[in-house]
Amino acid sequence: TYKDGLPSSSIRIFAEDADGDVFIGTTAGVCFADRELKIQQVHNERLKEERVLKLESDQEGHIYGQTKSGLIFLIENRIVTKIYSSEELGVECIRQALYGHGRQQRLLRRLWRRRV
């Protein structure tokens, strides 16, 4: 619950990174439970109070996420390293972000690293 350190008691989604940390998307941001199950905050002003709809991890253990308001973000080593709105990407709106698998995953990873 939020009394235990979660941004909100309303949990929407989970994803695990390469270190075994479990990221928790809530209706008021994102946090993670470390390997000792201690709740840690992911500090980012733009994600604070955002309703997290999607979290996915890639083969390298990076966490990709999306919020209800259309932000997409990347978490590497417990830190939000990239975060973008649709306007910043030059698109009308972001309704859904799919990470993909196999060949599609490699292509999307290259686009993330190059474009955003």
Protein backbone atom coordinates (compact mmCIF):
# COMPACT_ATOMS: atom_id res chain seq x y z
CA THR A 1 0.00 0.00 0.00
CA TYR A 2 0.99 3.64 -0.10
CA LYS A 3 1.76 3.29 3.65
CA ASP A 4 4.52 0.83 2.66
CA GLY A 5 6.05 3.32 0.21
CA LEU A 6 4.08 2.76 -2.99
CA PRO A 7 3.09 5.96 -4.85
CA SER A 8 -0.48 4.63 -4.79
CA SER A 9 -2.25 1.53 -3.48
CA SER A 10 -3.74 1.06 -6.96
CA ILE A 11 -1.20 -1.15 -8.78
CA ARG A 12 -1.61 -1.53 -12.55
CA ILE A 13 1.40 -3.50 -13.84
CA PHE A 14 4.75 -5.12 -12.99
CA ALA A 15 8.03 -5.69 -14.88
CA GLU A 16 11.36 -7.16 -13.76
CA ASP A 17 14.74 -5.80 -14.78
CA ALA A 18 18.03 -7.69 -15.25
CA ASP A 19 18.99 -7.20 -11.59
CA GLY A 20 15.80 -8.79 -10.28
CA ASP A 21 14.20 -5.51 -9.24
CA VAL A 22 10.44 -5.57 -9.78
CA PHE A 23 9.10 -2.27 -11.13
CA ILE A 24 5.55 -1.41 -10.10
CA GLY A 25 3.33 0.85 -12.18
CA THR A 26 0.58 2.55 -10.17
CA THR A 27 -2.04 5.22 -10.71
CA ALA A 28 0.39 7.75 -9.22
CA GLY A 29 3.79 6.88 -10.68
CA VAL A 30 6.31 4.08 -10.65
CA CYS A 31 8.50 2.51 -7.97
CA PHE A 32 10.35 -0.77 -7.55
CA ALA A 33 10.85 -3.53 -5.03
CA ASP A 34 14.52 -4.46 -4.72
CA ARG A 35 15.76 -8.02 -4.18
CA GLU A 36 15.10 -7.66 -0.43
CA LEU A 37 11.53 -6.53 -1.29
CA LYS A 38 12.16 -3.02 0.01
CA ILE A 39 10.11 -0.43 -1.89
CA GLN A 40 12.24 2.23 -3.59
CA GLN A 41 11.00 5.31 -5.40
CA VAL A 42 11.81 6.09 -9.03
CA HIS A 43 12.35 9.83 -8.86
CA ASN A 44 11.21 11.77 -11.91
CA GLU A 45 9.06 14.88 -11.75
CA ARG A 46 7.31 14.15 -15.04
CA LEU A 47 6.22 10.67 -13.89
CA LYS A 48 5.11 11.81 -10.45
CA GLU A 49 1.31 11.40 -10.24
CA GLU A 50 1.17 9.78 -13.73
CA ARG A 51 -1.08 6.72 -14.21
CA VAL A 52 1.28 4.03 -15.53
CA LEU A 53 -0.46 1.75 -18.03
CA LYS A 54 2.38 -0.34 -19.38
CA LEU A 55 5.77 -1.62 -18.27
CA GLU A 56 7.86 -4.07 -20.30
CA SER A 57 11.42 -5.27 -20.00
CA ASP A 58 13.73 -6.13 -22.87
CA GLN A 59 16.35 -8.88 -23.04
CA GLU A 60 18.90 -6.54 -21.48
CA GLY A 61 16.58 -5.82 -18.56
CA HIS A 62 15.73 -2.22 -19.45
CA ILE A 63 12.20 -1.16 -18.51
CA TYR A 64 10.01 0.61 -21.07
CA GLY A 65 6.83 2.31 -19.90
CA GLN A 66 3.81 4.30 -20.97
CA THR A 67 1.40 6.50 -19.06
CA LYS A 68 -2.25 7.33 -19.59
CA SER A 69 -1.38 10.88 -20.63
CA GLY A 70 0.84 9.52 -23.42
CA LEU A 71 4.32 9.78 -21.96
CA ILE A 72 6.74 7.01 -22.85
CA PHE A 73 9.84 6.39 -20.78
CA LEU A 74 12.92 4.22 -20.38
CA ILE A 75 14.38 3.06 -17.05
CA GLU A 76 17.99 1.87 -16.97
CA ASN A 77 19.76 0.92 -13.74
CA ARG A 78 16.80 2.16 -11.66
CA ILE A 79 16.90 5.64 -13.26
CA VAL A 80 14.55 7.19 -15.81
CA THR A 81 17.01 7.93 -18.60
CA LYS A 82 14.55 8.98 -21.31
CA ILE A 83 11.03 10.33 -21.21
CA TYR A 84 9.04 11.82 -24.08
CA SER A 85 5.59 13.16 -24.85
CA SER A 86 3.94 12.83 -28.24
CA GLU A 87 4.75 16.48 -28.99
CA GLU A 88 8.43 15.90 -28.33
CA LEU A 89 8.37 12.96 -30.74
CA GLY A 90 6.51 14.93 -33.41
CA VAL A 91 3.40 12.74 -33.42
CA GLU A 92 -0.20 13.64 -32.68
CA CYS A 93 -0.63 11.28 -29.76
CA ILE A 94 0.68 8.04 -28.31
CA ARG A 95 -2.13 5.59 -27.68
CA GLN A 96 -0.09 2.43 -27.21
CA ALA A 97 3.58 1.57 -27.11
CA LEU A 98 4.54 -1.99 -27.95
CA TYR A 99 8.07 -3.11 -27.41
CA GLY A 100 8.06 -6.27 -29.51
CA HIS A 101 10.09 -9.47 -29.58
CA GLY A 102 12.94 -10.91 -31.65
CA ARG A 103 13.68 -8.99 -34.84
CA GLN A 104 10.99 -6.39 -34.11
CA GLN A 105 12.51 -5.84 -30.66
CA ARG A 106 15.97 -5.20 -32.12
CA LEU A 107 14.54 -2.69 -34.61
CA LEU A 108 12.60 -0.84 -31.92
CA ARG A 109 15.64 -0.77 -29.64
CA ARG A 110 17.71 0.87 -32.42
CA LEU A 111 14.93 3.43 -32.99
CA TRP A 112 14.81 4.27 -29.27
CA ARG A 113 18.54 4.77 -29.12
CA ARG A 114 18.73 6.81 -32.31
CA ARG A 115 15.47 8.80 -32.36
CA VAL A 116 14.78 9.44 -28.72
